[in-house]
N, C-alpha and C. Protein backbone atom coordinates (compact mmCIF):
# COMPACT_ATOMS: atom_id res chain seq x y z
N UNK A 1 58.08 82.26 97.59
CA UNK A 1 58.56 81.40 98.66
C UNK A 1 57.60 80.24 98.94
N UNK A 2 56.39 80.31 98.41
CA UNK A 2 55.42 79.24 98.68
C UNK A 2 55.21 78.32 97.48
N UNK A 3 55.94 78.54 96.40
CA UNK A 3 55.77 77.71 95.20
C UNK A 3 56.12 76.26 95.52
N UNK A 4 55.34 75.36 94.95
CA UNK A 4 55.56 73.93 95.16
C UNK A 4 55.85 73.19 93.87
N UNK A 5 55.73 73.85 92.74
CA UNK A 5 55.96 73.20 91.45
C UNK A 5 56.72 74.17 90.54
N UNK A 6 57.35 73.65 89.50
CA UNK A 6 58.02 74.55 88.55
C UNK A 6 57.09 75.61 87.98
N UNK A 7 55.85 75.25 87.67
CA UNK A 7 54.91 76.23 87.13
C UNK A 7 54.60 77.31 88.16
N UNK A 8 54.41 76.95 89.42
CA UNK A 8 54.18 77.96 90.46
C UNK A 8 55.40 78.86 90.63
N UNK A 9 56.60 78.28 90.54
CA UNK A 9 57.82 79.10 90.62
C UNK A 9 57.86 80.08 89.46
N UNK A 10 57.51 79.61 88.28
CA UNK A 10 57.53 80.48 87.10
C UNK A 10 56.55 81.64 87.26
N UNK A 11 55.39 81.36 87.84
CA UNK A 11 54.38 82.39 88.04
C UNK A 11 54.88 83.48 89.00
N UNK A 12 55.83 83.15 89.85
CA UNK A 12 56.35 84.11 90.83
C UNK A 12 57.54 84.91 90.31
N UNK A 13 58.08 84.52 89.16
CA UNK A 13 59.26 85.20 88.62
C UNK A 13 58.85 86.35 87.71
N UNK A 14 59.54 87.47 87.87
CA UNK A 14 59.23 88.65 87.06
C UNK A 14 59.85 88.55 85.67
N UNK A 15 61.13 88.11 85.62
CA UNK A 15 61.85 88.09 84.35
C UNK A 15 63.02 87.12 84.42
N UNK A 16 63.58 86.89 83.28
CA UNK A 16 64.77 86.06 83.14
C UNK A 16 65.86 86.92 82.54
N UNK A 17 67.12 86.57 82.81
CA UNK A 17 68.25 87.30 82.25
C UNK A 17 69.33 86.32 81.80
N UNK A 18 69.81 86.49 80.58
CA UNK A 18 71.01 85.73 80.22
C UNK A 18 72.13 86.12 81.19
N UNK A 19 72.99 85.19 81.51
CA UNK A 19 73.99 85.43 82.56
C UNK A 19 75.26 84.67 82.24
N UNK A 20 76.38 85.34 82.41
CA UNK A 20 77.69 84.70 82.31
C UNK A 20 78.28 84.69 83.70
N UNK A 21 78.43 83.50 84.25
CA UNK A 21 79.03 83.35 85.57
C UNK A 21 80.54 83.37 85.41
N UNK A 22 81.21 84.21 86.18
CA UNK A 22 82.67 84.34 86.07
C UNK A 22 83.34 83.55 87.19
N UNK A 23 84.12 82.54 86.81
CA UNK A 23 84.78 81.74 87.84
C UNK A 23 85.93 82.49 88.48
N UNK A 24 86.14 82.20 89.73
CA UNK A 24 87.26 82.73 90.49
C UNK A 24 87.89 81.54 91.19
N UNK A 25 88.79 80.89 90.49
CA UNK A 25 89.36 79.65 91.01
C UNK A 25 90.46 79.97 92.02
N UNK A 26 90.06 79.98 93.28
CA UNK A 26 90.99 80.35 94.35
C UNK A 26 91.90 79.20 94.74
N UNK A 27 91.63 77.99 94.23
CA UNK A 27 92.46 76.83 94.50
C UNK A 27 93.22 76.46 93.24
N UNK A 28 94.37 75.86 93.40
CA UNK A 28 95.11 75.30 92.29
C UNK A 28 94.22 74.24 91.62
N UNK A 29 94.20 74.17 90.29
CA UNK A 29 93.34 73.18 89.62
C UNK A 29 93.63 71.73 90.02
N UNK A 30 94.82 71.46 90.57
CA UNK A 30 95.17 70.10 90.98
C UNK A 30 94.57 69.71 92.33
N UNK A 31 94.08 70.69 93.08
CA UNK A 31 93.52 70.43 94.41
C UNK A 31 92.16 69.74 94.28
N UNK A 32 91.99 68.63 94.99
CA UNK A 32 90.70 67.93 95.02
C UNK A 32 89.82 68.62 96.06
N UNK A 33 88.67 69.14 95.61
CA UNK A 33 87.77 69.85 96.50
C UNK A 33 86.63 68.94 96.95
N UNK A 34 86.24 69.10 98.21
CA UNK A 34 85.06 68.40 98.72
C UNK A 34 83.90 69.39 98.81
N UNK A 35 82.73 68.91 99.18
CA UNK A 35 81.53 69.74 99.25
C UNK A 35 81.70 70.98 100.11
N UNK A 36 82.18 70.86 101.36
CA UNK A 36 82.34 72.06 102.19
C UNK A 36 83.33 73.08 101.60
N UNK A 37 84.39 72.60 100.96
CA UNK A 37 85.34 73.53 100.34
C UNK A 37 84.70 74.27 99.18
N UNK A 38 83.93 73.54 98.35
CA UNK A 38 83.23 74.18 97.23
C UNK A 38 82.23 75.21 97.74
N UNK A 39 81.51 74.87 98.80
CA UNK A 39 80.54 75.80 99.36
C UNK A 39 81.24 77.05 99.89
N UNK A 40 82.39 76.86 100.52
CA UNK A 40 83.12 77.99 101.10
C UNK A 40 83.57 78.99 100.05
N UNK A 41 83.82 78.54 98.84
CA UNK A 41 84.25 79.45 97.77
C UNK A 41 83.14 79.71 96.76
N UNK A 42 81.89 79.55 97.18
CA UNK A 42 80.72 79.83 96.33
C UNK A 42 80.80 79.05 95.02
N UNK A 43 81.21 77.81 95.09
CA UNK A 43 81.37 76.91 93.95
C UNK A 43 82.26 77.54 92.87
N UNK A 44 83.21 78.33 93.31
CA UNK A 44 84.18 78.92 92.39
C UNK A 44 83.68 80.10 91.60
N UNK A 45 82.52 80.64 91.94
CA UNK A 45 81.98 81.79 91.22
C UNK A 45 82.04 83.03 92.11
N UNK A 46 82.38 84.13 91.53
CA UNK A 46 82.48 85.36 92.32
C UNK A 46 81.61 86.47 91.72
N UNK A 47 81.64 86.60 90.42
CA UNK A 47 80.93 87.68 89.74
C UNK A 47 80.19 87.12 88.53
N UNK A 48 79.44 87.99 87.89
CA UNK A 48 78.75 87.58 86.67
C UNK A 48 78.40 88.78 85.83
N UNK A 49 78.03 88.50 84.60
CA UNK A 49 77.63 89.53 83.65
C UNK A 49 76.16 89.28 83.29
N UNK A 50 75.31 90.27 83.54
CA UNK A 50 73.88 90.16 83.27
C UNK A 50 73.53 90.69 81.89
N UNK A 51 72.72 89.94 81.19
CA UNK A 51 72.18 90.42 79.92
C UNK A 51 70.86 91.13 80.14
N UNK A 52 70.25 91.55 79.06
CA UNK A 52 68.97 92.25 79.13
C UNK A 52 67.85 91.30 79.57
N UNK A 53 66.94 91.80 80.40
CA UNK A 53 65.85 90.95 80.87
C UNK A 53 64.84 90.65 79.75
N UNK A 54 64.19 89.51 79.88
CA UNK A 54 63.10 89.15 78.99
C UNK A 54 62.08 88.37 79.81
N UNK A 55 60.87 88.33 79.31
CA UNK A 55 59.79 87.62 80.01
C UNK A 55 59.38 86.38 79.24
N UNK A 56 58.89 85.43 79.97
CA UNK A 56 58.26 84.25 79.39
C UNK A 56 56.89 84.13 80.02
N UNK A 57 55.88 83.74 79.25
CA UNK A 57 54.56 83.56 79.86
C UNK A 57 54.62 82.42 80.89
N UNK A 58 53.89 82.57 81.97
CA UNK A 58 53.88 81.57 83.03
C UNK A 58 52.93 80.44 82.64
N UNK A 59 53.43 79.58 81.73
CA UNK A 59 52.63 78.48 81.21
C UNK A 59 53.42 77.18 81.29
N UNK A 60 52.71 76.07 81.19
CA UNK A 60 53.38 74.77 81.17
C UNK A 60 54.33 74.67 79.98
N UNK A 61 53.97 75.28 78.86
CA UNK A 61 54.85 75.28 77.68
C UNK A 61 56.18 75.98 77.98
N UNK A 62 56.14 77.09 78.70
CA UNK A 62 57.37 77.80 79.06
C UNK A 62 58.23 76.97 80.01
N UNK A 63 57.58 76.27 80.94
CA UNK A 63 58.32 75.38 81.85
C UNK A 63 59.06 74.34 81.02
N UNK A 64 58.39 73.77 80.03
CA UNK A 64 59.02 72.78 79.16
C UNK A 64 60.15 73.39 78.34
N UNK A 65 59.97 74.62 77.86
CA UNK A 65 61.01 75.29 77.09
C UNK A 65 62.28 75.50 77.92
N UNK A 66 62.12 75.83 79.19
CA UNK A 66 63.30 76.02 80.04
C UNK A 66 64.09 74.72 80.19
N UNK A 67 63.40 73.61 80.32
CA UNK A 67 64.09 72.32 80.41
C UNK A 67 64.76 71.95 79.09
N UNK A 68 64.11 72.28 77.97
CA UNK A 68 64.60 71.87 76.65
C UNK A 68 65.59 72.84 76.02
N UNK A 69 65.74 74.03 76.59
CA UNK A 69 66.60 75.03 75.95
C UNK A 69 68.04 74.51 75.82
N UNK A 70 68.73 75.07 74.83
CA UNK A 70 70.13 74.75 74.60
C UNK A 70 70.93 76.01 74.91
N UNK A 71 72.09 75.84 75.54
CA UNK A 71 72.94 76.96 75.90
C UNK A 71 74.28 76.76 75.19
N UNK A 72 74.74 77.81 74.52
CA UNK A 72 76.05 77.78 73.86
C UNK A 72 76.94 78.86 74.43
N UNK A 73 78.18 78.51 74.69
CA UNK A 73 79.22 79.48 75.07
C UNK A 73 80.13 79.60 73.85
N UNK A 74 80.21 80.82 73.31
CA UNK A 74 80.88 81.05 72.03
C UNK A 74 82.01 82.06 72.23
N UNK A 75 83.18 81.76 71.68
CA UNK A 75 84.29 82.70 71.82
C UNK A 75 84.31 83.70 70.66
N UNK A 76 85.33 84.56 70.67
CA UNK A 76 85.42 85.64 69.69
C UNK A 76 85.62 85.15 68.26
N UNK A 77 85.99 83.89 68.08
CA UNK A 77 86.16 83.35 66.73
C UNK A 77 84.89 82.69 66.21
N UNK A 78 83.86 82.64 67.07
CA UNK A 78 82.63 81.96 66.69
C UNK A 78 82.61 80.49 67.06
N UNK A 79 83.65 80.03 67.72
CA UNK A 79 83.75 78.64 68.13
C UNK A 79 82.93 78.40 69.40
N UNK A 80 82.13 77.35 69.40
CA UNK A 80 81.40 76.96 70.61
C UNK A 80 82.39 76.26 71.53
N UNK A 81 82.65 76.87 72.69
CA UNK A 81 83.66 76.36 73.62
C UNK A 81 83.04 75.71 74.85
N UNK A 82 81.73 75.76 74.96
CA UNK A 82 81.05 75.15 76.09
C UNK A 82 79.55 75.27 75.89
N UNK A 83 78.83 74.75 76.84
CA UNK A 83 77.38 74.87 76.78
C UNK A 83 76.70 73.74 77.50
N UNK A 84 75.41 73.64 77.26
CA UNK A 84 74.62 72.60 77.91
C UNK A 84 73.18 72.73 77.52
N UNK A 85 72.33 72.22 78.40
CA UNK A 85 70.89 72.27 78.16
C UNK A 85 70.17 72.53 79.47
N UNK A 86 68.93 72.92 79.38
CA UNK A 86 68.17 73.28 80.56
C UNK A 86 68.09 72.18 81.60
N UNK A 87 68.05 70.93 81.15
CA UNK A 87 67.96 69.81 82.08
C UNK A 87 69.24 69.61 82.90
N UNK A 88 70.32 70.32 82.55
CA UNK A 88 71.57 70.20 83.30
C UNK A 88 71.45 70.75 84.72
N UNK A 89 70.45 71.58 84.96
CA UNK A 89 70.27 72.15 86.30
C UNK A 89 69.02 71.53 86.92
N UNK A 90 69.23 70.46 87.67
CA UNK A 90 68.17 69.77 88.40
C UNK A 90 66.97 69.40 87.51
N UNK A 91 67.25 69.04 86.27
CA UNK A 91 66.26 68.65 85.26
C UNK A 91 65.41 69.80 84.73
N UNK A 92 65.46 70.94 85.39
CA UNK A 92 64.79 72.16 84.92
C UNK A 92 65.27 73.30 85.81
N UNK A 93 65.71 74.42 85.25
CA UNK A 93 66.19 75.52 86.09
C UNK A 93 65.18 75.96 87.15
N UNK A 94 63.89 75.76 86.89
CA UNK A 94 62.89 76.13 87.89
C UNK A 94 62.97 75.25 89.14
N UNK A 95 63.49 74.04 89.00
CA UNK A 95 63.70 73.20 90.19
C UNK A 95 64.77 73.82 91.09
N UNK A 96 65.74 74.50 90.49
CA UNK A 96 66.75 75.20 91.30
C UNK A 96 66.12 76.37 92.04
N UNK A 97 65.17 77.05 91.41
CA UNK A 97 64.45 78.13 92.08
C UNK A 97 63.74 77.58 93.31
N UNK A 98 63.05 76.46 93.15
CA UNK A 98 62.35 75.84 94.27
C UNK A 98 63.33 75.45 95.37
N UNK A 99 64.47 74.88 94.98
CA UNK A 99 65.47 74.46 95.96
C UNK A 99 66.02 75.66 96.73
N UNK A 100 66.32 76.75 96.02
CA UNK A 100 66.83 77.96 96.68
C UNK A 100 65.81 78.48 97.68
N UNK A 101 64.55 78.55 97.29
CA UNK A 101 63.51 79.06 98.19
C UNK A 101 63.39 78.18 99.44
N UNK A 102 63.41 76.87 99.25
CA UNK A 102 63.32 75.95 100.40
C UNK A 102 64.54 76.08 101.31
N UNK A 103 65.72 76.19 100.72
CA UNK A 103 66.95 76.33 101.52
C UNK A 103 66.92 77.62 102.33
N UNK A 104 66.47 78.70 101.71
CA UNK A 104 66.38 79.97 102.43
C UNK A 104 65.35 79.90 103.56
N UNK A 105 64.21 79.27 103.28
CA UNK A 105 63.19 79.11 104.32
C UNK A 105 63.76 78.35 105.51
N UNK A 106 64.53 77.30 105.23
CA UNK A 106 65.12 76.50 106.31
C UNK A 106 66.07 77.34 107.18
N UNK A 107 66.62 78.40 106.60
CA UNK A 107 67.51 79.30 107.34
C UNK A 107 66.76 80.49 107.93
N UNK A 108 65.44 80.52 107.74
CA UNK A 108 64.65 81.63 108.24
C UNK A 108 64.76 82.89 107.40
N UNK A 109 65.15 82.73 106.13
CA UNK A 109 65.30 83.87 105.23
C UNK A 109 64.23 83.82 104.15
N UNK A 110 64.02 84.95 103.49
CA UNK A 110 63.05 84.99 102.40
C UNK A 110 63.64 85.71 101.20
N UNK A 111 63.09 85.39 100.06
CA UNK A 111 63.41 86.14 98.84
C UNK A 111 62.54 87.39 98.82
N UNK A 112 63.12 88.47 98.32
CA UNK A 112 62.39 89.73 98.23
C UNK A 112 62.23 90.12 96.76
N UNK A 113 61.22 90.90 96.48
CA UNK A 113 61.01 91.40 95.13
C UNK A 113 62.29 92.09 94.64
N UNK A 114 62.76 91.71 93.48
CA UNK A 114 63.98 92.30 92.92
C UNK A 114 65.23 91.48 93.16
N UNK A 115 65.17 90.47 94.03
CA UNK A 115 66.33 89.59 94.23
C UNK A 115 66.65 88.87 92.93
N UNK A 116 67.94 88.69 92.68
CA UNK A 116 68.40 87.95 91.51
C UNK A 116 68.85 86.57 91.96
N UNK A 117 68.52 85.56 91.19
CA UNK A 117 68.90 84.19 91.50
C UNK A 117 69.84 83.67 90.44
N UNK A 118 71.00 83.19 90.84
CA UNK A 118 71.90 82.49 89.94
C UNK A 118 71.69 81.01 90.21
N UNK A 119 71.26 80.29 89.19
CA UNK A 119 70.78 78.93 89.39
C UNK A 119 71.83 77.85 89.22
N UNK A 120 72.97 78.19 88.68
CA UNK A 120 74.00 77.19 88.44
C UNK A 120 74.60 77.37 87.07
N UNK A 121 75.55 76.52 86.76
CA UNK A 121 76.28 76.64 85.50
C UNK A 121 75.87 75.54 84.53
N UNK A 122 75.74 75.91 83.28
CA UNK A 122 75.41 74.95 82.23
C UNK A 122 76.66 74.39 81.56
N UNK A 123 77.81 74.89 81.93
CA UNK A 123 79.05 74.52 81.26
C UNK A 123 80.14 74.33 82.29
N UNK A 124 81.19 73.66 81.90
CA UNK A 124 82.38 73.60 82.75
C UNK A 124 82.88 75.03 82.95
N UNK A 125 83.56 75.27 84.06
CA UNK A 125 84.12 76.60 84.31
C UNK A 125 85.17 76.91 83.25
N UNK A 126 85.04 78.09 82.65
CA UNK A 126 85.95 78.52 81.60
C UNK A 126 86.56 79.86 82.02
N UNK A 127 87.66 79.84 82.76
CA UNK A 127 88.26 81.11 83.19
C UNK A 127 88.65 81.97 81.99
N UNK A 128 88.24 83.24 81.97
CA UNK A 128 88.55 84.10 80.82
C UNK A 128 90.01 84.53 80.83
N UNK A 129 90.47 84.88 79.63
CA UNK A 129 91.82 85.42 79.47
C UNK A 129 91.70 86.78 78.78
N UNK A 130 92.69 87.62 78.98
CA UNK A 130 92.72 88.92 78.31
C UNK A 130 92.59 88.70 76.81
N UNK A 131 91.71 89.48 76.18
CA UNK A 131 91.49 89.37 74.75
C UNK A 131 90.29 88.50 74.37
N UNK A 132 89.78 87.73 75.34
CA UNK A 132 88.61 86.90 75.06
C UNK A 132 87.35 87.76 74.95
N UNK A 133 86.48 87.38 74.05
CA UNK A 133 85.11 87.89 74.01
C UNK A 133 84.22 86.66 74.05
N UNK A 134 83.34 86.61 75.02
CA UNK A 134 82.50 85.44 75.23
C UNK A 134 81.04 85.84 75.11
N UNK A 135 80.29 85.05 74.37
CA UNK A 135 78.84 85.20 74.26
C UNK A 135 78.20 83.92 74.78
N UNK A 136 77.21 84.07 75.63
CA UNK A 136 76.40 82.93 76.05
C UNK A 136 75.02 83.13 75.44
N UNK A 137 74.59 82.11 74.71
CA UNK A 137 73.33 82.18 73.96
C UNK A 137 72.38 81.09 74.48
N UNK A 138 71.15 81.52 74.80
CA UNK A 138 70.09 80.62 75.26
C UNK A 138 69.12 80.42 74.09
N UNK A 139 69.06 79.21 73.58
CA UNK A 139 68.31 78.90 72.36
C UNK A 139 67.07 78.07 72.71
N UNK A 140 65.93 78.48 72.15
CA UNK A 140 64.71 77.69 72.31
C UNK A 140 63.67 78.31 73.22
N UNK A 141 63.98 79.44 73.81
CA UNK A 141 63.00 80.09 74.69
C UNK A 141 62.08 81.03 73.92
N UNK A 142 62.59 81.62 72.88
CA UNK A 142 61.85 82.60 72.08
C UNK A 142 62.32 82.45 70.63
N UNK A 143 61.64 83.08 69.70
CA UNK A 143 62.06 82.98 68.29
C UNK A 143 63.50 83.43 68.06
N UNK A 144 63.95 84.43 68.83
CA UNK A 144 65.33 84.91 68.73
C UNK A 144 66.04 84.51 70.03
N UNK A 145 67.22 83.86 69.94
CA UNK A 145 67.91 83.47 71.18
C UNK A 145 68.21 84.68 72.08
N UNK A 146 68.12 84.44 73.37
CA UNK A 146 68.54 85.44 74.36
C UNK A 146 70.04 85.26 74.54
N UNK A 147 70.78 86.37 74.60
CA UNK A 147 72.22 86.23 74.77
C UNK A 147 72.82 87.40 75.51
N UNK A 148 74.03 87.18 76.00
CA UNK A 148 74.81 88.20 76.67
C UNK A 148 76.26 88.01 76.22
N UNK A 149 76.96 89.14 76.03
CA UNK A 149 78.34 89.12 75.56
C UNK A 149 79.19 89.98 76.47
N UNK A 150 80.42 89.54 76.71
CA UNK A 150 81.37 90.32 77.49
C UNK A 150 82.76 90.18 76.85
N UNK A 151 83.49 91.30 76.83
CA UNK A 151 84.87 91.30 76.32
C UNK A 151 85.82 91.51 77.50
N UNK A 152 86.89 90.73 77.55
CA UNK A 152 87.87 90.82 78.62
C UNK A 152 89.12 91.49 78.09
N UNK A 153 89.53 92.56 78.73
CA UNK A 153 90.71 93.30 78.28
C UNK A 153 91.94 92.89 79.06
């Protein structure tokens, strides 16, 4: 809660987890949403799928890797259907960590050991359909990409 830089935020984090955010589009896609409406529906996200945790050393190099990482959303045919890069979230996902901590402090709340943070989406919302299998792969953080897969029945 006292971190002031991405590196300080990284030093306070225990682990990272690949994550698939599951959209819950409660509005018709034709409806134009404003900021308060998006906030009221949690920016269209309701649930998520967590992958296995992994650690990164709390170094300036790791901070840079988070900004430079590439994210791919891959369907059951192996087609890349979405994705992005680390800079898509406030220029570095650790900036979102800092923002969340500051926002909570402003509300008189604190993060506790074990809390999970969802930092935002790297891709356009892709509502799943029955029969889809989706893998989200985080490339560039370690020699082997971190990934999480979910099948929708």
